[in-house]
Structures are given as C-alpha cells and as structure tokens.
Amino acid sequence: MVTLFEAKKTVRHPEKAHRPDNPIARKPDWIRVKAPGSKLFKQTNKIIKDNNIVTICTEGACPNIGECFEQKHASMMIMGEICTRACAFCNVATGKPLPLDGNEPENVANGIAKLGLNHVVITSVDRDDLPDGGAGHFVKVIAAIRDKCPNTTIEILTPDFLKKQGALEQVVAAKPDVYNHNLETVPSNYLSVCPGSRYFYSIRLLQKVKELDPTMFTKSGIMVGLGETRNEILQLMDDLRSADVDFLTIGQYLQPSKKHHPVMDFITPDEFKAYEKIAYAKGFLLVSASPLTRSSHHAGEDFAKLRLARIAKLG
C-alpha cells in the first residue's frame, strides 16, 4: 500500500522530488545547533515556569531555543497547549483544548516584565472551538502587556480565524506593532501539510489587515523542504506582495518526529540567499531566509530593521 506522503512524493508532484538519490537520513552540517543548558537558559526557563507561561519555543521544538533563552528571549504561546487542528508539520499537541485561563494575560505580562523584553512575540494554538477563535483573548493579552510593559513592542502571530466573523477586526483594533500570520507552505502542499487551513483565505487575511490599518506592519513565513518547487515559492512571494505584506521569513522544515511529515529536501544556504535576493527584488521591506530562520527568531532586531526600512522607503 502506498501512503499519502509516498504518493505525494512519487506521483502527485514528480517534479518536486528533485533529489531522489539523496535520502533525508541526517541533518547537514549547516542545520546543526548547540544543545541548550547554560545558566542563563535555566534562568529564563525558570521565569517562564514560575509565571505559568507556555512558549512556542518549547512546544514547537524550536532549534533556536538555546540561543534565544540564553538571551532571555522567548515567544509566548497563549490559549493552552492543545491545538484544534492537526497540521502534519507541527509539534504542538492536537485534541480538545481546556477552557481559557483568565489569569493568562496577567501572567504573560508579568513574565515579559521579568524577562525585560523590549519586543515580544505572542502566538497561539488554533482554537476553532471558540466563537471568536480566541481573538478576544489576544486583545486581553495585548492590553495586559501595554499596561504592565508600556515600552515593549508587540508582535502577534495569529491563526487564520477561519469562519470567525469579526475576529480579525478585534485584533487589529488592539494595535499590535506587527501582525504575523504564516502561510507555512505553498498551496499544493496544503492538503497534506495543513489540511485545516486555506491558502487564499490566509492571503486575504493579511490583505485585510492592511485595509483595516495601513500603518501596521504585516509579516508571513514559510518552511521549505516540504516538496515545493522553486516556481511555487516565487508565486507565493507574488501572492504575499499582492496583499502588501512587508516582511517574509523562509526557514528549513525539520521533522519533529517520525509521525510528522517527512523532510523532502534540505535547502542549501546558497539557495536561501537566492530566495532572499529575489524576495527583496519583489518589494518586501525585510526578508529573513536561512536554514534556521523561524518566525520569531531575532524578532526584536528584525522589528528595528523593519522600521528603518519603512523610513528609507518613504524617503
């Protein structure tokens, strides 16, 4: 019997298996990172646990967790540890979520204050079970951070709020500094990689953010190594630019476990540089493309670059 993943690789898009003689058995040297465990790492981890905070750094098995925690940087994941969707690339648990924690906004704000973050990324699990998809909870978290840490800039990485009328409007009205929503991959991969999502719905969401608030920075990210072709990535860039997205991140997909979607290819650093150059030529204000690029990695530094890029563009 041929599995869905095998069929995808050998039948549905035969042109995508462009390195069939190179089985993905081990990571190349450029994707390796140092194991975490320093004193600063442990201090950051303690602050997070003491404040009952969940991070995507831990739940998503991010390869950059050692680097970020050593700098007291962490990306918060709100609305629990259980997602209502079952994306084939994601390490976050899937199932029936618990009710929202009313203390979470204050806990997150307190944790940010103790970590001394100048810029914070707030993301979440998908909460299709909630009438507003969790939009109102995002608003409460943003408000708590503004109250406790008024000088901290806020970047949100939200779900698509699929079929949740008025949800996006609530979140944009809360005035985060950056609105991020990841496409994750090219359209042809959606059925096998993120079957609960809709590619063009996500494009429209990002476009609508700009319509609601033209001054808000928008951002999106994708993973490569999932069987996509170069031309599909270039078309995705055009789709994001048609929605006036400012910032694009491109990183290597890494398989969290044998249960997850396999890595179809490891993209070389030179290929990432080529994608970055093309994306800048297409008009993005900022592009981060490398094997270890993740949506939240170096987010504070990138936000500063983003503001400078807008100033330069406006002349």
Protein backbone atom coordinates (compact mmCIF):
# COMPACT_ATOMS: atom_id res chain seq x y z
CA MET A 1 0.00 0.00 0.00
CA VAL A 2 1.28 3.47 -0.90
CA THR A 3 0.95 6.07 1.84
CA LEU A 4 -0.26 9.63 1.28
CA PHE A 5 3.25 11.01 1.74
CA GLU A 6 4.76 8.43 -0.65
CA ALA A 7 2.07 9.16 -3.23
CA LYS A 8 2.71 12.88 -2.94
CA LYS A 9 6.42 12.41 -3.45
CA THR A 10 6.32 9.90 -6.30
CA VAL A 11 3.06 10.58 -8.13
CA ARG A 12 1.27 13.87 -7.44
CA HIS A 13 4.29 16.11 -7.99
CA PRO A 14 7.08 14.00 -9.51
CA GLU A 15 8.99 17.17 -10.47
CA LYS A 16 9.26 18.09 -6.78
CA ALA A 17 11.39 15.10 -5.81
CA HIS A 18 14.42 16.82 -7.28
CA ARG A 19 16.94 14.93 -5.14
CA PRO A 20 15.54 11.38 -5.00
CA ASP A 21 19.03 9.88 -4.75
CA ASN A 22 19.73 11.82 -1.53
CA PRO A 23 17.66 10.20 1.26
CA ILE A 24 16.97 12.53 4.17
CA ALA A 25 18.60 10.46 6.89
CA ARG A 26 20.66 13.04 8.74
CA LYS A 27 20.86 16.80 9.02
CA PRO A 28 23.60 18.55 7.06
CA ASP A 29 26.27 20.46 8.96
CA TRP A 30 24.65 23.84 8.34
CA ILE A 31 21.50 22.88 10.26
CA ARG A 32 23.18 21.78 13.48
CA VAL A 33 22.85 23.79 16.70
CA LYS A 34 24.40 23.61 20.16
CA ALA A 35 22.36 21.81 22.80
CA PRO A 36 20.85 24.22 25.38
CA GLY A 37 21.72 24.11 29.06
CA SER A 38 23.62 27.24 30.14
CA LYS A 39 22.94 29.13 33.38
CA LEU A 40 21.07 31.90 31.52
CA PHE A 41 18.99 29.27 29.69
CA LYS A 42 17.93 27.79 33.02
CA GLN A 43 17.11 31.22 34.45
CA THR A 44 14.85 32.04 31.50
CA ASN A 45 13.18 28.65 31.74
CA LYS A 46 12.51 29.21 35.45
CA ILE A 47 10.89 32.61 34.86
CA ILE A 48 8.64 31.05 32.24
CA LYS A 49 7.60 28.16 34.50
CA ASP A 50 7.17 30.34 37.60
CA ASN A 51 4.70 32.54 35.70
CA ASN A 52 2.74 29.59 34.20
CA ILE A 53 3.68 30.66 30.68
CA VAL A 54 3.67 28.37 27.65
CA THR A 55 6.17 29.12 24.88
CA ILE A 56 6.18 28.03 21.26
CA CYS A 57 9.95 27.71 21.70
CA THR A 58 9.38 24.60 23.83
CA GLU A 59 6.09 23.29 22.43
CA GLY A 60 7.24 23.71 18.83
CA ALA A 61 10.66 22.11 19.48
CA CYS A 62 12.40 25.16 18.00
CA PRO A 63 16.07 24.56 17.13
CA ASN A 64 16.94 28.10 18.26
CA ILE A 65 15.67 27.70 21.82
CA GLY A 66 19.17 27.57 23.31
CA GLU A 67 20.27 30.80 21.63
CA CYS A 68 17.08 32.67 22.46
CA PHE A 69 16.70 31.55 26.08
CA GLU A 70 20.35 32.43 26.73
CA GLN A 71 19.45 36.00 25.72
CA LYS A 72 16.27 35.93 27.85
CA HIS A 73 14.14 35.93 24.72
CA ALA A 74 11.02 33.79 24.49
CA SER A 75 7.91 33.70 22.29
CA MET A 76 4.70 33.23 24.26
CA MET A 77 2.01 30.76 23.18
CA ILE A 78 -1.40 31.58 24.59
CA MET A 79 -4.72 29.74 24.94
CA GLY A 80 -3.27 26.46 26.12
CA GLU A 81 -1.03 23.69 24.87
CA ILE A 82 -3.61 21.79 22.81
CA CYS A 83 -4.49 22.78 19.24
CA THR A 84 -7.78 22.01 17.50
CA ARG A 85 -6.01 21.34 14.20
CA ALA A 86 -3.63 18.55 13.23
CA CYS A 87 -1.03 20.07 10.92
CA ALA A 88 1.45 17.45 9.73
CA PHE A 89 4.48 19.67 10.35
CA CYS A 90 3.68 20.90 13.87
CA ASN A 91 4.92 19.52 17.19
CA VAL A 92 2.10 21.08 19.26
CA ALA A 93 -0.38 18.54 20.67
CA THR A 94 -3.77 18.13 19.00
CA GLY A 95 -7.04 17.40 20.76
CA LYS A 96 -9.79 19.00 22.82
CA PRO A 97 -8.44 22.17 24.48
CA LEU A 98 -9.10 23.23 28.06
CA PRO A 99 -11.11 26.39 28.83
CA LEU A 100 -9.21 29.68 28.55
CA ASP A 101 -7.21 30.74 31.60
CA GLY A 102 -8.46 34.13 32.79
CA ASN A 103 -5.14 34.77 34.53
CA GLU A 104 -3.08 34.21 31.41
CA PRO A 105 -2.96 37.84 30.18
CA GLU A 106 -1.56 38.99 33.53
CA ASN A 107 0.83 36.03 33.74
CA VAL A 108 2.21 36.75 30.28
CA ALA A 109 2.66 40.45 31.06
CA ASN A 110 4.43 39.64 34.33
CA GLY A 111 6.74 37.19 32.58
CA ILE A 112 7.62 39.76 29.93
CA ALA A 113 8.43 42.31 32.62
CA LYS A 114 10.68 39.86 34.48
CA LEU A 115 12.47 38.86 31.29
CA GLY A 116 12.92 42.54 30.42
CA LEU A 117 11.76 42.09 26.82
CA ASN A 118 11.80 45.17 24.59
CA HIS A 119 9.92 43.24 21.89
CA VAL A 120 7.72 40.20 22.37
CA VAL A 121 6.04 37.71 20.04
CA ILE A 122 2.64 36.37 21.10
CA THR A 123 1.33 33.37 19.21
CA SER A 124 -1.31 30.75 19.98
CA VAL A 125 -2.73 27.37 19.22
CA ASP A 126 -5.70 27.24 16.87
CA ARG A 127 -8.93 27.47 18.85
CA ASP A 128 -11.66 26.58 16.37
CA ASP A 129 -13.82 25.61 19.36
CA LEU A 130 -14.21 29.26 20.45
CA PRO A 131 -16.85 31.53 18.85
CA ASP A 132 -14.21 34.16 18.02
CA GLY A 133 -11.30 31.74 17.55
CA GLY A 134 -9.59 33.33 20.55
CA ALA A 135 -9.43 36.85 19.11
CA GLY A 136 -10.80 38.39 22.30
CA HIS A 137 -8.11 36.63 24.33
CA PHE A 138 -5.41 38.08 22.07
CA VAL A 139 -6.90 41.51 22.77
CA LYS A 140 -6.77 40.93 26.54
CA VAL A 141 -3.14 39.79 26.37
CA ILE A 142 -2.15 42.82 24.31
CA ALA A 143 -3.92 45.13 26.78
CA ALA A 144 -2.19 43.50 29.77
CA ILE A 145 1.23 43.89 28.14
CA ARG A 146 0.54 47.54 27.29
CA ASP A 147 -0.44 48.16 30.93
CA LYS A 148 2.49 46.31 32.53
CA CYS A 149 5.20 46.94 29.92
CA PRO A 150 4.23 50.11 28.02
CA ASN A 151 7.58 50.33 26.22
CA THR A 152 7.53 46.75 24.92
CA THR A 153 6.60 46.45 21.25
CA ILE A 154 4.21 43.62 20.45
CA GLU A 155 4.25 41.22 17.53
CA ILE A 156 1.38 38.78 17.21
CA LEU A 157 1.39 35.55 15.22
CA THR A 158 -2.24 34.53 14.88
CA PRO A 159 -4.27 31.65 13.47
CA ASP A 160 -6.43 32.35 10.43
CA PHE A 161 -9.66 32.79 12.47
CA LEU A 162 -11.38 30.72 9.79
CA LYS A 163 -15.16 31.36 9.74
CA LYS A 164 -14.93 33.63 12.81
CA GLN A 165 -16.67 36.80 11.70
CA GLY A 166 -15.29 39.98 13.26
CA ALA A 167 -12.32 38.22 14.90
CA LEU A 168 -9.62 39.84 12.79
CA GLU A 169 -11.11 43.29 13.27
CA GLN A 170 -10.91 42.90 17.07
CA VAL A 171 -7.24 42.03 17.00
CA VAL A 172 -6.21 44.75 14.54
CA ALA A 173 -8.10 47.32 16.65
CA ALA A 174 -5.87 46.35 19.61
CA LYS A 175 -2.95 47.89 17.68
CA PRO A 176 -0.16 45.32 17.82
CA ASP A 177 3.03 46.64 16.24
CA VAL A 178 3.39 43.67 13.86
CA TYR A 179 0.68 41.34 12.60
CA ASN A 180 2.11 37.99 11.55
CA HIS A 181 0.21 35.12 10.00
CA ASN A 182 2.21 32.31 8.44
CA LEU A 183 1.31 30.70 5.14
CA GLU A 184 3.59 27.80 6.15
CA THR A 185 3.91 26.29 2.67
CA VAL A 186 2.83 26.54 -0.99
CA PRO A 187 -0.82 25.87 -1.98
CA SER A 188 -0.22 22.41 -3.47
CA ASN A 189 1.01 21.17 -0.09
CA TYR A 190 -1.95 22.33 1.98
CA LEU A 191 -3.95 19.09 1.79
CA SER A 192 -1.12 17.01 3.27
CA VAL A 193 0.71 19.62 5.40
CA CYS A 194 -2.02 21.84 6.91
CA PRO A 195 -5.39 20.39 5.83
CA GLY A 196 -7.44 22.58 8.20
CA SER A 197 -6.25 25.80 6.59
CA ARG A 198 -6.97 27.56 3.30
CA TYR A 199 -4.12 29.24 1.42
CA PHE A 200 -6.06 32.04 -0.25
CA TYR A 201 -8.07 32.71 2.91
CA SER A 202 -4.75 33.40 4.64
CA ILE A 203 -3.64 35.69 1.82
CA ARG A 204 -6.91 37.58 2.16
CA LEU A 205 -6.49 37.85 5.95
CA LEU A 206 -3.10 39.53 5.52
CA GLN A 207 -4.51 41.83 2.86
CA LYS A 208 -7.39 42.79 5.13
CA VAL A 209 -5.03 43.74 7.97
CA LYS A 210 -3.56 46.41 5.69
CA GLU A 211 -7.02 47.57 4.65
CA LEU A 212 -8.04 47.97 8.29
CA ASP A 213 -4.78 49.67 9.32
CA PRO A 214 -2.37 50.64 6.50
CA THR A 215 0.29 51.65 9.06
CA MET A 216 0.52 48.20 10.66
CA PHE A 217 3.46 46.02 9.66
CA THR A 218 2.45 42.64 8.25
CA LYS A 219 4.56 39.54 8.14
CA SER A 220 4.33 35.95 6.96
CA GLY A 221 6.59 32.92 6.91
CA ILE A 222 7.04 29.63 5.12
CA MET A 223 9.00 26.43 5.54
CA VAL A 224 10.94 24.87 2.68
CA GLY A 225 11.92 21.26 2.27
CA LEU A 226 8.32 20.02 2.12
CA GLY A 227 8.40 19.12 -1.56
CA GLU A 228 7.69 22.56 -3.02
CA THR A 229 9.20 23.75 -6.30
CA ARG A 230 11.16 26.94 -6.81
CA ASN A 231 8.46 28.37 -9.09
CA GLU A 232 5.81 27.75 -6.44
CA ILE A 233 7.83 29.74 -3.91
CA LEU A 234 8.23 32.61 -6.35
CA GLN A 235 4.47 32.62 -6.97
CA LEU A 236 3.86 32.61 -3.21
CA MET A 237 6.08 35.69 -2.91
CA ASP A 238 3.97 37.42 -5.56
CA ASP A 239 0.78 36.46 -3.73
CA LEU A 240 2.10 37.98 -0.50
CA ARG A 241 3.20 41.15 -2.25
CA SER A 242 -0.26 41.44 -3.81
CA ALA A 243 -1.51 41.58 -0.20
CA ASP A 244 1.12 44.27 0.57
CA VAL A 245 2.93 42.08 3.13
CA ASP A 246 6.06 43.79 4.44
CA PHE A 247 8.19 41.02 5.88
CA LEU A 248 8.84 37.45 4.70
CA THR A 249 10.64 34.68 6.61
CA ILE A 250 11.83 31.45 4.98
CA GLY A 251 13.28 28.58 7.01
CA GLN A 252 14.10 24.91 6.65
CA TYR A 253 11.41 22.46 7.73
CA LEU A 254 12.64 19.98 10.33
CA GLN A 255 10.61 16.87 11.09
CA PRO A 256 9.71 16.86 14.82
CA SER A 257 9.13 13.09 14.94
CA LYS A 258 8.57 10.08 12.69
CA LYS A 259 4.80 10.73 12.93
CA HIS A 260 5.16 14.08 11.19
CA HIS A 261 5.54 14.97 7.52
CA PRO A 262 8.94 13.84 6.23
CA VAL A 263 11.64 16.25 5.15
CA MET A 264 11.70 16.02 1.37
CA ASP A 265 14.85 18.09 0.91
CA PHE A 266 17.43 20.14 2.76
CA ILE A 267 17.82 23.53 1.10
CA THR A 268 21.39 24.83 0.96
CA PRO A 269 22.46 28.20 2.44
CA ASP A 270 23.19 29.47 -1.07
CA GLU A 271 19.64 28.63 -2.17
CA PHE A 272 18.30 30.56 0.81
CA LYS A 273 20.42 33.57 -0.17
CA ALA A 274 18.99 33.37 -3.69
CA TYR A 275 15.42 33.35 -2.33
CA GLU A 276 16.24 36.34 -0.12
CA LYS A 277 17.62 38.31 -3.07
CA ILE A 278 14.55 37.55 -5.20
CA ALA A 279 12.15 38.46 -2.38
CA TYR A 280 13.83 41.86 -1.91
CA ALA A 281 13.58 42.43 -5.66
CA LYS A 282 9.84 41.74 -5.45
CA GLY A 283 9.42 44.57 -2.95
CA PHE A 284 9.44 43.15 0.60
CA LEU A 285 10.72 45.65 3.14
CA LEU A 286 12.53 42.90 5.03
CA VAL A 287 13.43 39.28 4.29
CA SER A 288 14.95 36.67 6.58
CA ALA A 289 15.90 33.47 4.77
CA SER A 290 18.24 30.84 6.17
CA PRO A 291 18.10 27.19 7.29
CA LEU A 292 17.47 28.18 10.92
CA THR A 293 15.17 31.15 10.27
CA ARG A 294 11.95 30.94 12.26
CA SER A 295 9.08 33.43 12.52
CA SER A 296 10.09 34.63 15.97
CA HIS A 297 13.86 34.28 15.72
CA HIS A 298 15.60 37.67 16.17
CA ALA A 299 12.15 39.28 16.07
CA GLY A 300 13.26 42.32 18.09
CA GLU A 301 16.23 43.09 15.88
CA ASP A 302 14.11 42.48 12.79
CA PHE A 303 11.43 44.89 14.02
CA ALA A 304 14.05 47.64 14.33
CA LYS A 305 15.23 46.89 10.79
CA LEU A 306 11.64 46.92 9.56
CA ARG A 307 11.03 50.42 10.91
CA LEU A 308 14.24 51.69 9.36
CA ALA A 309 13.34 50.10 6.03
CA ARG A 310 9.97 51.87 6.01
CA ILE A 311 11.63 55.22 6.78
CA ALA A 312 14.11 54.66 3.96
CA LYS A 313 11.31 53.74 1.54
CA LEU A 314 9.31 56.84 2.41
CA GLY A 315 12.44 58.89 1.81
